[in-house]
């Protein structure tokens, strides 16, 4: 079992959190404290679920934590898309976030396949 800071998935999800925190500063106030906060909380839950999946040795339990992390990423995708469509973040930032989210999602899928 690798340390969290060495796992590419953990690094990507941490980078996602940092990017979201930086982006949140520019989100219009009308949605910053609702949708913006929800995205940040969902990302924190994503990191927690990845960490939990990394600490368990039982494949079935690990699979469950990975599924929860995948649920987090799906929610983040939907909320981030809503923020973009409400024109609260520029296209460049949306693309940057989307690339990180896609990376995390792909890595989660690969990890999930290895637990079945």
PDB file of N, CA and C in Angstrom:
ATOM      1  N   UNK A   1       0.842  -1.178   0.000  1.00  0.00           N
ATOM      2  CA  UNK A   1       0.000   0.000   0.000  1.00  0.00           C
ATOM      3  C   UNK A   1       0.890   1.245   0.000  1.00  0.00           C
ATOM      4  N   UNK A   2       0.732   2.060  -0.974  1.00  0.00           N
ATOM      5  CA  UNK A   2       1.533   3.277  -1.092  1.00  0.00           C
ATOM      6  C   UNK A   2       0.997   4.365  -0.177  1.00  0.00           C
ATOM      7  N   UNK A   3       1.877   5.302   0.156  1.00  0.00           N
ATOM      8  CA  UNK A   3       1.445   6.481   0.887  1.00  0.00           C
ATOM      9  C   UNK A   3       0.559   7.319  -0.016  1.00  0.00           C
ATOM     10  N   UNK A   4      -0.389   8.031   0.584  1.00  0.00           N
ATOM     11  CA  UNK A   4      -1.336   8.841  -0.190  1.00  0.00           C
ATOM     12  C   UNK A   4      -0.639   9.804  -1.130  1.00  0.00           C
ATOM     13  N   UNK A   5       0.408  10.444  -0.666  1.00  0.00           N
ATOM     14  CA  UNK A   5       1.060  11.457  -1.495  1.00  0.00           C
ATOM     15  C   UNK A   5       1.762  10.870  -2.714  1.00  0.00           C
ATOM     16  N   UNK A   6       1.922   9.533  -2.754  1.00  0.00           N
ATOM     17  CA  UNK A   6       2.591   8.881  -3.873  1.00  0.00           C
ATOM     18  C   UNK A   6       1.615   8.359  -4.922  1.00  0.00           C
ATOM     19  N   UNK A   7       0.336   8.271  -4.594  1.00  0.00           N
ATOM     20  CA  UNK A   7      -0.658   7.713  -5.506  1.00  0.00           C
ATOM     21  C   UNK A   7      -1.072   8.780  -6.511  1.00  0.00           C
ATOM     22  N   UNK A   8      -0.906   8.514  -7.806  1.00  0.00           N
ATOM     23  CA  UNK A   8      -1.290   9.515  -8.814  1.00  0.00           C
ATOM     24  C   UNK A   8      -2.743   9.970  -8.683  1.00  0.00           C
ATOM     25  N   UNK A   9      -3.632   9.053  -8.324  1.00  0.00           N
ATOM     26  CA  UNK A   9      -5.037   9.409  -8.147  1.00  0.00           C
ATOM     27  C   UNK A   9      -5.221  10.403  -7.005  1.00  0.00           C
ATOM     28  N   UNK A  10      -4.507  10.179  -5.934  1.00  0.00           N
ATOM     29  CA  UNK A  10      -4.586  11.089  -4.793  1.00  0.00           C
ATOM     30  C   UNK A  10      -4.036  12.463  -5.190  1.00  0.00           C
ATOM     31  N   UNK A  11      -2.933  12.480  -5.903  1.00  0.00           N
ATOM     32  CA  UNK A  11      -2.332  13.741  -6.350  1.00  0.00           C
ATOM     33  C   UNK A  11      -3.285  14.490  -7.272  1.00  0.00           C
ATOM     34  N   UNK A  12      -3.910  13.775  -8.213  1.00  0.00           N
ATOM     35  CA  UNK A  12      -4.848  14.412  -9.137  1.00  0.00           C
ATOM     36  C   UNK A  12      -6.058  14.967  -8.405  1.00  0.00           C
ATOM     37  N   UNK A  13      -6.583  14.222  -7.436  1.00  0.00           N
ATOM     38  CA  UNK A  13      -7.752  14.709  -6.692  1.00  0.00           C
ATOM     39  C   UNK A  13      -7.381  15.896  -5.802  1.00  0.00           C
ATOM     40  N   UNK A  14      -6.175  15.888  -5.262  1.00  0.00           N
ATOM     41  CA  UNK A  14      -5.704  17.034  -4.475  1.00  0.00           C
ATOM     42  C   UNK A  14      -5.564  18.265  -5.373  1.00  0.00           C
ATOM     43  N   UNK A  15      -5.008  18.075  -6.566  1.00  0.00           N
ATOM     44  CA  UNK A  15      -4.881  19.183  -7.523  1.00  0.00           C
ATOM     45  C   UNK A  15      -6.250  19.717  -7.928  1.00  0.00           C
ATOM     46  N   UNK A  16      -7.229  18.826  -8.040  1.00  0.00           N
ATOM     47  CA  UNK A  16      -8.596  19.240  -8.334  1.00  0.00           C
ATOM     48  C   UNK A  16      -9.125  20.138  -7.221  1.00  0.00           C
ATOM     49  N   UNK A  17      -8.907  19.747  -5.981  1.00  0.00           N
ATOM     50  CA  UNK A  17      -9.362  20.560  -4.851  1.00  0.00           C
ATOM     51  C   UNK A  17      -8.728  21.944  -4.875  1.00  0.00           C
ATOM     52  N   UNK A  18      -7.432  22.009  -5.111  1.00  0.00           N
ATOM     53  CA  UNK A  18      -6.737  23.304  -5.163  1.00  0.00           C
ATOM     54  C   UNK A  18      -7.306  24.159  -6.286  1.00  0.00           C
ATOM     55  N   UNK A  19      -7.514  23.571  -7.445  1.00  0.00           N
ATOM     56  CA  UNK A  19      -8.064  24.298  -8.592  1.00  0.00           C
ATOM     57  C   UNK A  19      -9.473  24.801  -8.282  1.00  0.00           C
ATOM     58  N   UNK A  20     -10.270  23.985  -7.626  1.00  0.00           N
ATOM     59  CA  UNK A  20     -11.638  24.388  -7.269  1.00  0.00           C
ATOM     60  C   UNK A  20     -11.621  25.526  -6.264  1.00  0.00           C
ATOM     61  N   UNK A  21     -10.741  25.458  -5.286  1.00  0.00           N
ATOM     62  CA  UNK A  21     -10.645  26.530  -4.294  1.00  0.00           C
ATOM     63  C   UNK A  21     -10.261  27.843  -4.968  1.00  0.00           C
ATOM     64  N   UNK A  22      -9.297  27.779  -5.876  1.00  0.00           N
ATOM     65  CA  UNK A  22      -8.881  28.992  -6.597  1.00  0.00           C
ATOM     66  C   UNK A  22     -10.006  29.517  -7.495  1.00  0.00           C
ATOM     67  N   UNK A  23     -10.735  28.620  -8.113  1.00  0.00           N
ATOM     68  CA  UNK A  23     -11.826  29.009  -9.004  1.00  0.00           C
ATOM     69  C   UNK A  23     -12.982  29.614  -8.223  1.00  0.00           C
ATOM     70  N   UNK A  24     -13.220  29.106  -7.038  1.00  0.00           N
ATOM     71  CA  UNK A  24     -14.346  29.559  -6.221  1.00  0.00           C
ATOM     72  C   UNK A  24     -14.268  31.057  -5.923  1.00  0.00           C
ATOM     73  N   UNK A  25     -13.063  31.583  -5.863  1.00  0.00           N
ATOM     74  CA  UNK A  25     -12.883  33.011  -5.589  1.00  0.00           C
ATOM     75  C   UNK A  25     -13.575  33.875  -6.633  1.00  0.00           C
ATOM     76  N   UNK A  26     -13.696  33.376  -7.866  1.00  0.00           N
ATOM     77  CA  UNK A  26     -14.256  34.154  -8.962  1.00  0.00           C
ATOM     78  C   UNK A  26     -15.726  33.864  -9.249  1.00  0.00           C
ATOM     79  N   UNK A  27     -16.302  32.899  -8.564  1.00  0.00           N
ATOM     80  CA  UNK A  27     -17.703  32.553  -8.798  1.00  0.00           C
ATOM     81  C   UNK A  27     -18.592  33.654  -8.220  1.00  0.00           C
ATOM     82  N   UNK A  28     -19.623  33.999  -8.971  1.00  0.00           N
ATOM     83  CA  UNK A  28     -20.521  35.053  -8.511  1.00  0.00           C
ATOM     84  C   UNK A  28     -21.159  34.665  -7.172  1.00  0.00           C
ATOM     85  N   UNK A  29     -21.360  35.656  -6.319  1.00  0.00           N
ATOM     86  CA  UNK A  29     -21.825  35.427  -4.962  1.00  0.00           C
ATOM     87  C   UNK A  29     -23.159  34.699  -4.879  1.00  0.00           C
ATOM     88  N   UNK A  30     -24.017  34.902  -5.875  1.00  0.00           N
ATOM     89  CA  UNK A  30     -25.337  34.275  -5.822  1.00  0.00           C
ATOM     90  C   UNK A  30     -25.275  32.742  -5.797  1.00  0.00           C
ATOM     91  N   UNK A  31     -24.200  32.159  -6.317  1.00  0.00           N
ATOM     92  CA  UNK A  31     -24.076  30.695  -6.272  1.00  0.00           C
ATOM     93  C   UNK A  31     -22.818  30.225  -5.536  1.00  0.00           C
ATOM     94  N   UNK A  32     -21.967  31.152  -5.168  1.00  0.00           N
ATOM     95  CA  UNK A  32     -20.695  30.811  -4.517  1.00  0.00           C
ATOM     96  C   UNK A  32     -20.914  30.030  -3.219  1.00  0.00           C
ATOM     97  N   UNK A  33     -21.874  30.452  -2.435  1.00  0.00           N
ATOM     98  CA  UNK A  33     -22.063  29.849  -1.120  1.00  0.00           C
ATOM     99  C   UNK A  33     -23.049  28.694  -1.137  1.00  0.00           C
ATOM    100  N   UNK A  34     -23.538  28.326  -2.308  1.00  0.00           N
ATOM    101  CA  UNK A  34     -24.403  27.158  -2.418  1.00  0.00           C
ATOM    102  C   UNK A  34     -23.725  26.127  -3.307  1.00  0.00           C
ATOM    103  N   UNK A  35     -23.741  26.362  -4.592  1.00  0.00           N
ATOM    104  CA  UNK A  35     -23.161  25.410  -5.534  1.00  0.00           C
ATOM    105  C   UNK A  35     -21.641  25.348  -5.374  1.00  0.00           C
ATOM    106  N   UNK A  36     -21.006  26.491  -5.265  1.00  0.00           N
ATOM    107  CA  UNK A  36     -19.550  26.522  -5.097  1.00  0.00           C
ATOM    108  C   UNK A  36     -19.095  25.751  -3.867  1.00  0.00           C
ATOM    109  N   UNK A  37     -19.793  25.946  -2.767  1.00  0.00           N
ATOM    110  CA  UNK A  37     -19.478  25.242  -1.524  1.00  0.00           C
ATOM    111  C   UNK A  37     -19.730  23.740  -1.680  1.00  0.00           C
ATOM    112  N   UNK A  38     -20.796  23.389  -2.373  1.00  0.00           N
ATOM    113  CA  UNK A  38     -21.117  21.974  -2.591  1.00  0.00           C
ATOM    114  C   UNK A  38     -20.034  21.280  -3.405  1.00  0.00           C
ATOM    115  N   UNK A  39     -19.521  21.963  -4.412  1.00  0.00           N
ATOM    116  CA  UNK A  39     -18.442  21.383  -5.225  1.00  0.00           C
ATOM    117  C   UNK A  39     -17.210  21.126  -4.354  1.00  0.00           C
ATOM    118  N   UNK A  40     -16.890  22.098  -3.531  1.00  0.00           N
ATOM    119  CA  UNK A  40     -15.714  21.943  -2.664  1.00  0.00           C
ATOM    120  C   UNK A  40     -15.913  20.785  -1.675  1.00  0.00           C
ATOM    121  N   UNK A  41     -17.080  20.701  -1.064  1.00  0.00           N
ATOM    122  CA  UNK A  41     -17.360  19.621  -0.110  1.00  0.00           C
ATOM    123  C   UNK A  41     -17.340  18.257  -0.792  1.00  0.00           C
ATOM    124  N   UNK A  42     -17.894  18.193  -1.984  1.00  0.00           N
ATOM    125  CA  UNK A  42     -17.912  16.945  -2.749  1.00  0.00           C
ATOM    126  C   UNK A  42     -16.482  16.514  -3.087  1.00  0.00           C
ATOM    127  N   UNK A  43     -15.621  17.470  -3.397  1.00  0.00           N
ATOM    128  CA  UNK A  43     -14.221  17.166  -3.717  1.00  0.00           C
ATOM    129  C   UNK A  43     -13.484  16.673  -2.472  1.00  0.00           C
ATOM    130  N   UNK A  44     -13.773  17.271  -1.341  1.00  0.00           N
ATOM    131  CA  UNK A  44     -13.173  16.814  -0.080  1.00  0.00           C
ATOM    132  C   UNK A  44     -13.630  15.391   0.228  1.00  0.00           C
ATOM    133  N   UNK A  45     -14.923  15.118   0.016  1.00  0.00           N
ATOM    134  CA  UNK A  45     -15.430  13.756   0.213  1.00  0.00           C
ATOM    135  C   UNK A  45     -14.767  12.779  -0.756  1.00  0.00           C
ATOM    136  N   UNK A  46     -14.527  13.221  -1.981  1.00  0.00           N
ATOM    137  CA  UNK A  46     -13.824  12.399  -2.967  1.00  0.00           C
ATOM    138  C   UNK A  46     -12.453  11.990  -2.434  1.00  0.00           C
ATOM    139  N   UNK A  47     -11.711  12.954  -1.925  1.00  0.00           N
ATOM    140  CA  UNK A  47     -10.371  12.673  -1.393  1.00  0.00           C
ATOM    141  C   UNK A  47     -10.455  11.717  -0.205  1.00  0.00           C
ATOM    142  N   UNK A  48     -11.432  11.926   0.661  1.00  0.00           N
ATOM    143  CA  UNK A  48     -11.610  11.029   1.812  1.00  0.00           C
ATOM    144  C   UNK A  48     -11.903   9.606   1.361  1.00  0.00           C
ATOM    145  N   UNK A  49     -12.767   9.461   0.357  1.00  0.00           N
ATOM    146  CA  UNK A  49     -13.114   8.124  -0.114  1.00  0.00           C
ATOM    147  C   UNK A  49     -11.945   7.439  -0.811  1.00  0.00           C
ATOM    148  N   UNK A  50     -11.131   8.195  -1.508  1.00  0.00           N
ATOM    149  CA  UNK A  50      -9.923   7.632  -2.115  1.00  0.00           C
ATOM    150  C   UNK A  50      -8.969   7.164  -1.019  1.00  0.00           C
ATOM    151  N   UNK A  51      -8.800   7.987   0.002  1.00  0.00           N
ATOM    152  CA  UNK A  51      -7.916   7.615   1.115  1.00  0.00           C
ATOM    153  C   UNK A  51      -8.432   6.368   1.828  1.00  0.00           C
ATOM    154  N   UNK A  52      -9.746   6.292   2.029  1.00  0.00           N
ATOM    155  CA  UNK A  52     -10.328   5.114   2.679  1.00  0.00           C
ATOM    156  C   UNK A  52     -10.120   3.867   1.828  1.00  0.00           C
ATOM    157  N   UNK A  53     -10.333   4.001   0.523  1.00  0.00           N
ATOM    158  CA  UNK A  53     -10.141   2.855  -0.369  1.00  0.00           C
ATOM    159  C   UNK A  53      -8.694   2.378  -0.332  1.00  0.00           C
ATOM    160  N   UNK A  54      -7.772   3.300  -0.167  1.00  0.00           N
ATOM    161  CA  UNK A  54      -6.352   2.957  -0.141  1.00  0.00           C
ATOM    162  C   UNK A  54      -5.946   2.253   1.153  1.00  0.00           C
ATOM    163  N   UNK A  55      -6.714   2.454   2.221  1.00  0.00           N
ATOM    164  CA  UNK A  55      -6.305   1.891   3.508  1.00  0.00           C
ATOM    165  C   UNK A  55      -6.881   0.515   3.797  1.00  0.00           C
ATOM    166  N   UNK A  56      -7.916   0.108   3.061  1.00  0.00           N
ATOM    167  CA  UNK A  56      -8.527  -1.202   3.336  1.00  0.00           C
ATOM    168  C   UNK A  56      -7.879  -2.283   2.485  1.00  0.00           C
ATOM    169  N   UNK A  57      -7.793  -3.470   3.044  1.00  0.00           N
ATOM    170  CA  UNK A  57      -7.179  -4.565   2.301  1.00  0.00           C
ATOM    171  C   UNK A  57      -8.216  -5.458   1.627  1.00  0.00           C
ATOM    172  N   UNK A  58      -9.443  -5.455   2.129  1.00  0.00           N
ATOM    173  CA  UNK A  58     -10.509  -6.265   1.551  1.00  0.00           C
ATOM    174  C   UNK A  58     -10.966  -5.655   0.223  1.00  0.00           C
ATOM    175  N   UNK A  59     -10.881  -6.444  -0.853  1.00  0.00           N
ATOM    176  CA  UNK A  59     -11.204  -5.931  -2.191  1.00  0.00           C
ATOM    177  C   UNK A  59     -12.659  -5.473  -2.305  1.00  0.00           C
ATOM    178  N   UNK A  60     -13.557  -6.183  -1.668  1.00  0.00           N
ATOM    179  CA  UNK A  60     -14.974  -5.821  -1.738  1.00  0.00           C
ATOM    180  C   UNK A  60     -15.215  -4.472  -1.061  1.00  0.00           C
ATOM    181  N   UNK A  61     -14.603  -4.284   0.084  1.00  0.00           N
ATOM    182  CA  UNK A  61     -14.744  -3.007   0.792  1.00  0.00           C
ATOM    183  C   UNK A  61     -14.078  -1.880  -0.001  1.00  0.00           C
ATOM    184  N   UNK A  62     -12.909  -2.143  -0.548  1.00  0.00           N
ATOM    185  CA  UNK A  62     -12.216  -1.155  -1.383  1.00  0.00           C
ATOM    186  C   UNK A  62     -13.083  -0.770  -2.580  1.00  0.00           C
ATOM    187  N   UNK A  63     -13.678  -1.767  -3.198  1.00  0.00           N
ATOM    188  CA  UNK A  63     -14.567  -1.545  -4.340  1.00  0.00           C
ATOM    189  C   UNK A  63     -15.700  -0.578  -3.947  1.00  0.00           C
ATOM    190  N   UNK A  64     -16.263  -0.762  -2.761  1.00  0.00           N
ATOM    191  CA  UNK A  64     -17.334   0.113  -2.282  1.00  0.00           C
ATOM    192  C   UNK A  64     -16.889   1.560  -2.120  1.00  0.00           C
ATOM    193  N   UNK A  65     -15.689   1.761  -1.561  1.00  0.00           N
ATOM    194  CA  UNK A  65     -15.167   3.126  -1.391  1.00  0.00           C
ATOM    195  C   UNK A  65     -14.880   3.763  -2.750  1.00  0.00           C
ATOM    196  N   UNK A  66     -14.399   2.967  -3.682  1.00  0.00           N
ATOM    197  CA  UNK A  66     -14.134   3.496  -5.027  1.00  0.00           C
ATOM    198  C   UNK A  66     -15.447   3.907  -5.691  1.00  0.00           C
ATOM    199  N   UNK A  67     -16.487   3.103  -5.511  1.00  0.00           N
ATOM    200  CA  UNK A  67     -17.791   3.469  -6.068  1.00  0.00           C
ATOM    201  C   UNK A  67     -18.305   4.782  -5.454  1.00  0.00           C
ATOM    202  N   UNK A  68     -18.071   4.964  -4.167  1.00  0.00           N
ATOM    203  CA  UNK A  68     -18.473   6.223  -3.531  1.00  0.00           C
ATOM    204  C   UNK A  68     -17.687   7.393  -4.117  1.00  0.00           C
ATOM    205  N   UNK A  69     -16.413   7.180  -4.365  1.00  0.00           N
ATOM    206  CA  UNK A  69     -15.581   8.226  -4.978  1.00  0.00           C
ATOM    207  C   UNK A  69     -16.070   8.534  -6.388  1.00  0.00           C
ATOM    208  N   UNK A  70     -16.482   7.504  -7.115  1.00  0.00           N
ATOM    209  CA  UNK A  70     -17.027   7.733  -8.457  1.00  0.00           C
ATOM    210  C   UNK A  70     -18.334   8.527  -8.394  1.00  0.00           C
ATOM    211  N   UNK A  71     -19.120   8.272  -7.379  1.00  0.00           N
ATOM    212  CA  UNK A  71     -20.340   9.050  -7.181  1.00  0.00           C
ATOM    213  C   UNK A  71     -20.000  10.512  -6.906  1.00  0.00           C
ATOM    214  N   UNK A  72     -18.955  10.742  -6.109  1.00  0.00           N
ATOM    215  CA  UNK A  72     -18.495  12.113  -5.840  1.00  0.00           C
ATOM    216  C   UNK A  72     -18.105  12.805  -7.130  1.00  0.00           C
ATOM    217  N   UNK A  73     -17.357  12.114  -7.977  1.00  0.00           N
ATOM    218  CA  UNK A  73     -16.867  12.735  -9.211  1.00  0.00           C
ATOM    219  C   UNK A  73     -18.027  13.050 -10.144  1.00  0.00           C
ATOM    220  N   UNK A  74     -19.031  12.191 -10.196  1.00  0.00           N
ATOM    221  CA  UNK A  74     -20.205  12.462 -11.031  1.00  0.00           C
ATOM    222  C   UNK A  74     -20.943  13.709 -10.552  1.00  0.00           C
ATOM    223  N   UNK A  75     -21.062  13.865  -9.248  1.00  0.00           N
ATOM    224  CA  UNK A  75     -21.712  15.050  -8.692  1.00  0.00           C
ATOM    225  C   UNK A  75     -20.900  16.302  -9.002  1.00  0.00           C
ATOM    226  N   UNK A  76     -19.595  16.206  -8.887  1.00  0.00           N
ATOM    227  CA  UNK A  76     -18.713  17.342  -9.195  1.00  0.00           C
ATOM    228  C   UNK A  76     -18.886  17.750 -10.657  1.00  0.00           C
ATOM    229  N   UNK A  77     -18.953  16.779 -11.549  1.00  0.00           N
ATOM    230  CA  UNK A  77     -19.122  17.069 -12.975  1.00  0.00           C
ATOM    231  C   UNK A  77     -20.410  17.858 -13.214  1.00  0.00           C
ATOM    232  N   UNK A  78     -21.492  17.397 -12.622  1.00  0.00           N
ATOM    233  CA  UNK A  78     -22.791  18.060 -12.811  1.00  0.00           C
ATOM    234  C   UNK A  78     -22.768  19.482 -12.246  1.00  0.00           C
ATOM    235  N   UNK A  79     -22.254  19.652 -11.038  1.00  0.00           N
ATOM    236  CA  UNK A  79     -22.237  20.975 -10.410  1.00  0.00           C
ATOM    237  C   UNK A  79     -21.306  21.934 -11.145  1.00  0.00           C
ATOM    238  N   UNK A  80     -20.158  21.421 -11.588  1.00  0.00           N
ATOM    239  CA  UNK A  80     -19.209  22.262 -12.314  1.00  0.00           C
ATOM    240  C   UNK A  80     -19.805  22.714 -13.634  1.00  0.00           C
ATOM    241  N   UNK A  81     -20.527  21.824 -14.305  1.00  0.00           N
ATOM    242  CA  UNK A  81     -21.186  22.177 -15.565  1.00  0.00           C
ATOM    243  C   UNK A  81     -22.233  23.273 -15.338  1.00  0.00           C
ATOM    244  N   UNK A  82     -22.967  23.164 -14.229  1.00  0.00           N
ATOM    245  CA  UNK A  82     -23.973  24.180 -13.911  1.00  0.00           C
ATOM    246  C   UNK A  82     -23.323  25.537 -13.682  1.00  0.00           C
ATOM    247  N   UNK A  83     -22.212  25.558 -12.962  1.00  0.00           N
ATOM    248  CA  UNK A  83     -21.495  26.811 -12.708  1.00  0.00           C
ATOM    249  C   UNK A  83     -21.031  27.427 -14.031  1.00  0.00           C
ATOM    250  N   UNK A  84     -20.539  26.590 -14.927  1.00  0.00           N
ATOM    251  CA  UNK A  84     -20.093  27.092 -16.226  1.00  0.00           C
ATOM    252  C   UNK A  84     -21.267  27.641 -17.039  1.00  0.00           C
ATOM    253  N   UNK A  85     -22.358  26.896 -17.077  1.00  0.00           N
ATOM    254  CA  UNK A  85     -23.518  27.330 -17.851  1.00  0.00           C
ATOM    255  C   UNK A  85     -24.147  28.605 -17.294  1.00  0.00           C
ATOM    256  N   UNK A  86     -23.949  28.852 -16.007  1.00  0.00           N
ATOM    257  CA  UNK A  86     -24.423  30.100 -15.405  1.00  0.00           C
ATOM    258  C   UNK A  86     -23.412  31.237 -15.626  1.00  0.00           C
ATOM    259  N   UNK A  87     -22.398  30.932 -16.415  1.00  0.00           N
ATOM    260  CA  UNK A  87     -21.362  31.906 -16.794  1.00  0.00           C
ATOM    261  C   UNK A  87     -20.611  32.484 -15.588  1.00  0.00           C
ATOM    262  N   UNK A  88     -20.375  31.597 -14.611  1.00  0.00           N
ATOM    263  CA  UNK A  88     -19.638  32.018 -13.422  1.00  0.00           C
ATOM    264  C   UNK A  88     -18.148  31.719 -13.508  1.00  0.00           C
ATOM    265  N   UNK A  89     -17.774  30.864 -14.463  1.00  0.00           N
ATOM    266  CA  UNK A  89     -16.349  30.604 -14.685  1.00  0.00           C
ATOM    267  C   UNK A  89     -16.085  30.686 -16.183  1.00  0.00           C
ATOM    268  N   UNK A  90     -14.907  31.144 -16.553  1.00  0.00           N
ATOM    269  CA  UNK A  90     -14.578  31.246 -17.981  1.00  0.00           C
ATOM    270  C   UNK A  90     -14.312  29.865 -18.591  1.00  0.00           C
ATOM    271  N   UNK A  91     -14.403  29.797 -19.897  1.00  0.00           N
ATOM    272  CA  UNK A  91     -14.197  28.552 -20.627  1.00  0.00           C
ATOM    273  C   UNK A  91     -12.838  27.928 -20.310  1.00  0.00           C
ATOM    274  N   UNK A  92     -11.802  28.739 -20.247  1.00  0.00           N
ATOM    275  CA  UNK A  92     -10.445  28.229 -19.984  1.00  0.00           C
ATOM    276  C   UNK A  92     -10.391  27.487 -18.643  1.00  0.00           C
ATOM    277  N   UNK A  93     -11.016  28.046 -17.615  1.00  0.00           N
ATOM    278  CA  UNK A  93     -11.021  27.421 -16.295  1.00  0.00           C
ATOM    279  C   UNK A  93     -11.879  26.156 -16.304  1.00  0.00           C
ATOM    280  N   UNK A  94     -12.989  26.205 -17.039  1.00  0.00           N
ATOM    281  CA  UNK A  94     -13.870  25.041 -17.169  1.00  0.00           C
ATOM    282  C   UNK A  94     -13.115  23.878 -17.820  1.00  0.00           C
ATOM    283  N   UNK A  95     -12.376  24.175 -18.867  1.00  0.00           N
ATOM    284  CA  UNK A  95     -11.598  23.145 -19.559  1.00  0.00           C
ATOM    285  C   UNK A  95     -10.525  22.581 -18.628  1.00  0.00           C
ATOM    286  N   UNK A  96      -9.849  23.458 -17.901  1.00  0.00           N
ATOM    287  CA  UNK A  96      -8.808  23.016 -16.959  1.00  0.00           C
ATOM    288  C   UNK A  96      -9.395  22.067 -15.910  1.00  0.00           C
ATOM    289  N   UNK A  97     -10.514  22.465 -15.328  1.00  0.00           N
ATOM    290  CA  UNK A  97     -11.168  21.616 -14.328  1.00  0.00           C
ATOM    291  C   UNK A  97     -11.636  20.301 -14.960  1.00  0.00           C
ATOM    292  N   UNK A  98     -12.197  20.380 -16.143  1.00  0.00           N
ATOM    293  CA  UNK A  98     -12.700  19.179 -16.827  1.00  0.00           C
ATOM    294  C   UNK A  98     -11.588  18.168 -17.089  1.00  0.00           C
ATOM    295  N   UNK A  99     -10.421  18.656 -17.446  1.00  0.00           N
ATOM    296  CA  UNK A  99      -9.288  17.752 -17.702  1.00  0.00           C
ATOM    297  C   UNK A  99      -8.852  17.041 -16.420  1.00  0.00           C
ATOM    298  N   UNK A 100      -8.812  17.761 -15.323  1.00  0.00           N
ATOM    299  CA  UNK A 100      -8.431  17.138 -14.046  1.00  0.00           C
ATOM    300  C   UNK A 100      -9.499  16.135 -13.624  1.00  0.00           C
ATOM    301  N   UNK A 101     -10.753  16.526 -13.749  1.00  0.00           N
ATOM    302  CA  UNK A 101     -11.862  15.640 -13.385  1.00  0.00           C
ATOM    303  C   UNK A 101     -11.824  14.369 -14.234  1.00  0.00           C
ATOM    304  N   UNK A 102     -11.574  14.514 -15.519  1.00  0.00           N
ATOM    305  CA  UNK A 102     -11.498  13.361 -16.411  1.00  0.00           C
ATOM    306  C   UNK A 102     -10.353  12.433 -16.007  1.00  0.00           C
ATOM    307  N   UNK A 103      -9.228  13.003 -15.626  1.00  0.00           N
ATOM    308  CA  UNK A 103      -8.091  12.211 -15.176  1.00  0.00           C
ATOM    309  C   UNK A 103      -8.447  11.411 -13.922  1.00  0.00           C
ATOM    310  N   UNK A 104      -9.073  12.069 -12.962  1.00  0.00           N
ATOM    311  CA  UNK A 104      -9.478  11.394 -11.726  1.00  0.00           C
ATOM    312  C   UNK A 104     -10.475  10.278 -12.048  1.00  0.00           C
ATOM    313  N   UNK A 105     -11.438  10.576 -12.892  1.00  0.00           N
ATOM    314  CA  UNK A 105     -12.464   9.606 -13.251  1.00  0.00           C
ATOM    315  C   UNK A 105     -11.858   8.374 -13.923  1.00  0.00           C
ATOM    316  N   UNK A 106     -10.941   8.591 -14.855  1.00  0.00           N
ATOM    317  CA  UNK A 106     -10.283   7.465 -15.543  1.00  0.00           C
ATOM    318  C   UNK A 106      -9.484   6.604 -14.556  1.00  0.00           C
ATOM    319  N   UNK A 107      -8.766   7.261 -13.661  1.00  0.00           N
ATOM    320  CA  UNK A 107      -7.970   6.523 -12.685  1.00  0.00           C
ATOM    321  C   UNK A 107      -8.861   5.724 -11.730  1.00  0.00           C
ATOM    322  N   UNK A 108      -9.984   6.311 -11.324  1.00  0.00           N
ATOM    323  CA  UNK A 108     -10.926   5.590 -10.469  1.00  0.00           C
ATOM    324  C   UNK A 108     -11.477   4.359 -11.172  1.00  0.00           C
ATOM    325  N   UNK A 109     -11.819   4.525 -12.443  1.00  0.00           N
ATOM    326  CA  UNK A 109     -12.349   3.396 -13.227  1.00  0.00           C
ATOM    327  C   UNK A 109     -11.331   2.272 -13.328  1.00  0.00           C
ATOM    328  N   UNK A 110     -10.094   2.622 -13.580  1.00  0.00           N
ATOM    329  CA  UNK A 110      -9.032   1.618 -13.654  1.00  0.00           C
ATOM    330  C   UNK A 110      -8.824   0.912 -12.335  1.00  0.00           C
ATOM    331  N   UNK A 111      -8.862   1.672 -11.267  1.00  0.00           N
ATOM    332  CA  UNK A 111      -8.683   1.093  -9.940  1.00  0.00           C
ATOM    333  C   UNK A 111      -9.839   0.156  -9.614  1.00  0.00           C
ATOM    334  N   UNK A 112     -11.040   0.584  -9.969  1.00  0.00           N
ATOM    335  CA  UNK A 112     -12.230  -0.236  -9.712  1.00  0.00           C
ATOM    336  C   UNK A 112     -12.124  -1.564 -10.454  1.00  0.00           C
ATOM    337  N   UNK A 113     -11.683  -1.525 -11.709  1.00  0.00           N
ATOM    338  CA  UNK A 113     -11.545  -2.756 -12.492  1.00  0.00           C
ATOM    339  C   UNK A 113     -10.551  -3.714 -11.849  1.00  0.00           C
ATOM    340  N   UNK A 114      -9.526  -3.174 -11.218  1.00  0.00           N
ATOM    341  CA  UNK A 114      -8.513  -4.034 -10.598  1.00  0.00           C
ATOM    342  C   UNK A 114      -9.013  -4.685  -9.302  1.00  0.00           C
ATOM    343  N   UNK A 115     -10.141  -4.218  -8.780  1.00  0.00           N
ATOM    344  CA  UNK A 115     -10.667  -4.796  -7.547  1.00  0.00           C
ATOM    345  C   UNK A 115     -11.742  -5.851  -7.808  1.00  0.00           C
ATOM    346  N   UNK A 116     -12.082  -6.047  -9.080  1.00  0.00           N
ATOM    347  CA  UNK A 116     -13.132  -7.046  -9.379  1.00  0.00           C
ATOM    348  C   UNK A 116     -12.533  -8.371  -9.789  1.00  0.00           C
TER     349      UNK A 116
END
